[in-house]
Amino acid sequence: MDKKDTIPVGGTFYPYVVELFESKQKVGILYEDNGVTRANGLIESVFERDGFQWLKLEDQTEIRIDKLYAINGKFSSDYSEC
């Protein structure tokens, strides 16, 4: 049986995003942007805007952290596309 690594139900990717940012690891991301969207690269910054937590990639793509489905193989517990 296949088992994927997931964050806990009701959890957030924020601590994991900060860890990846601080360690300067490249990331592979799936997120919601009018459908499932892929992005890759280094996280340039982690910030808050309008009450939401965001990350910005080196190519200037800004992604709301609560819109993430997966990052580096760690999935949202409610993501079932794969």
Protein backbone atom coordinates (compact mmCIF):
# COMPACT_ATOMS: atom_id res chain seq x y z
CA MET A 1 0.00 0.00 0.00
CA ASP A 2 1.35 3.43 -0.97
CA LYS A 3 1.53 6.01 1.78
CA LYS A 4 2.20 9.67 1.21
CA ASP A 5 3.69 12.09 3.72
CA THR A 6 0.99 14.54 4.83
CA ILE A 7 0.61 17.40 7.25
CA PRO A 8 -1.94 16.77 10.04
CA VAL A 9 -5.62 17.56 9.41
CA GLY A 10 -6.11 21.26 10.17
CA GLY A 11 -2.33 21.77 10.04
CA THR A 12 -0.39 24.31 8.05
CA PHE A 13 2.63 24.20 5.78
CA TYR A 14 4.01 27.37 7.40
CA PRO A 15 6.63 25.75 9.70
CA TYR A 16 7.84 23.55 6.85
CA VAL A 17 8.02 26.54 4.47
CA VAL A 18 10.08 28.50 7.01
CA GLU A 19 12.42 25.51 7.49
CA LEU A 20 12.94 25.20 3.72
CA PHE A 21 13.48 28.98 3.39
CA GLU A 22 16.03 29.09 6.22
CA SER A 23 17.94 26.08 4.88
CA LYS A 24 17.86 27.51 1.34
CA GLN A 25 16.58 24.25 -0.15
CA LYS A 26 15.05 24.19 -3.62
CA VAL A 27 11.34 23.44 -3.52
CA GLY A 28 8.81 21.77 -5.78
CA ILE A 29 5.31 23.09 -5.07
CA LEU A 30 1.75 22.25 -6.06
CA TYR A 31 -0.78 24.98 -5.28
CA GLU A 32 -4.24 26.26 -6.18
CA ASP A 33 -4.35 28.98 -8.82
CA ASN A 34 -7.48 28.40 -10.91
CA GLY A 35 -6.51 24.71 -10.93
CA VAL A 36 -3.52 22.79 -9.69
CA THR A 37 -0.35 24.72 -10.56
CA ARG A 38 3.31 23.72 -10.26
CA ALA A 39 6.20 25.93 -9.25
CA ASN A 40 9.87 25.26 -8.51
CA GLY A 41 12.83 27.18 -7.14
CA LEU A 42 14.23 28.75 -4.01
CA ILE A 43 12.01 30.54 -1.52
CA GLU A 44 13.19 34.17 -1.53
CA SER A 45 10.99 35.35 1.34
CA VAL A 46 8.17 34.41 3.71
CA PHE A 47 5.83 37.24 4.72
CA GLU A 48 2.35 38.24 5.83
CA ARG A 49 -0.07 40.34 3.80
CA ASP A 50 -3.77 41.05 4.42
CA GLY A 51 -3.83 38.55 7.31
CA PHE A 52 -2.43 35.67 5.21
CA GLN A 53 1.00 34.05 5.15
CA TRP A 54 2.77 34.06 1.78
CA LEU A 55 5.98 32.83 0.21
CA LYS A 56 7.83 34.38 -2.70
CA LEU A 57 9.99 32.29 -5.00
CA GLU A 58 13.19 33.52 -6.64
CA ASP A 59 11.26 34.09 -9.91
CA GLN A 60 8.98 36.49 -7.94
CA THR A 61 5.99 34.10 -7.92
CA GLU A 62 3.98 34.82 -4.77
CA ILE A 63 1.91 31.98 -3.29
CA ARG A 64 -0.44 32.10 -0.32
CA ILE A 65 0.68 29.33 2.01
CA ASP A 66 -2.90 28.21 2.70
CA LYS A 67 -3.26 27.53 -1.06
CA LEU A 68 -0.47 24.91 -1.05
CA TYR A 69 -1.36 21.31 -1.89
CA ALA A 70 2.20 19.98 -1.61
CA ILE A 71 5.78 21.05 -1.11
CA ASN A 72 8.79 18.76 -1.60
CA GLY A 73 6.67 15.62 -1.36
CA LYS A 74 4.74 16.65 1.76
CA PHE A 75 1.01 16.90 0.98
CA SER A 76 -2.04 18.53 2.49
CA SER A 77 -4.08 15.83 4.25
CA ASP A 78 -7.12 16.63 2.09
CA TYR A 79 -5.29 16.57 -1.26
CA SER A 80 -6.30 13.45 -3.19
CA GLU A 81 -5.22 14.11 -6.78
CA CYS A 82 -2.42 11.55 -6.69
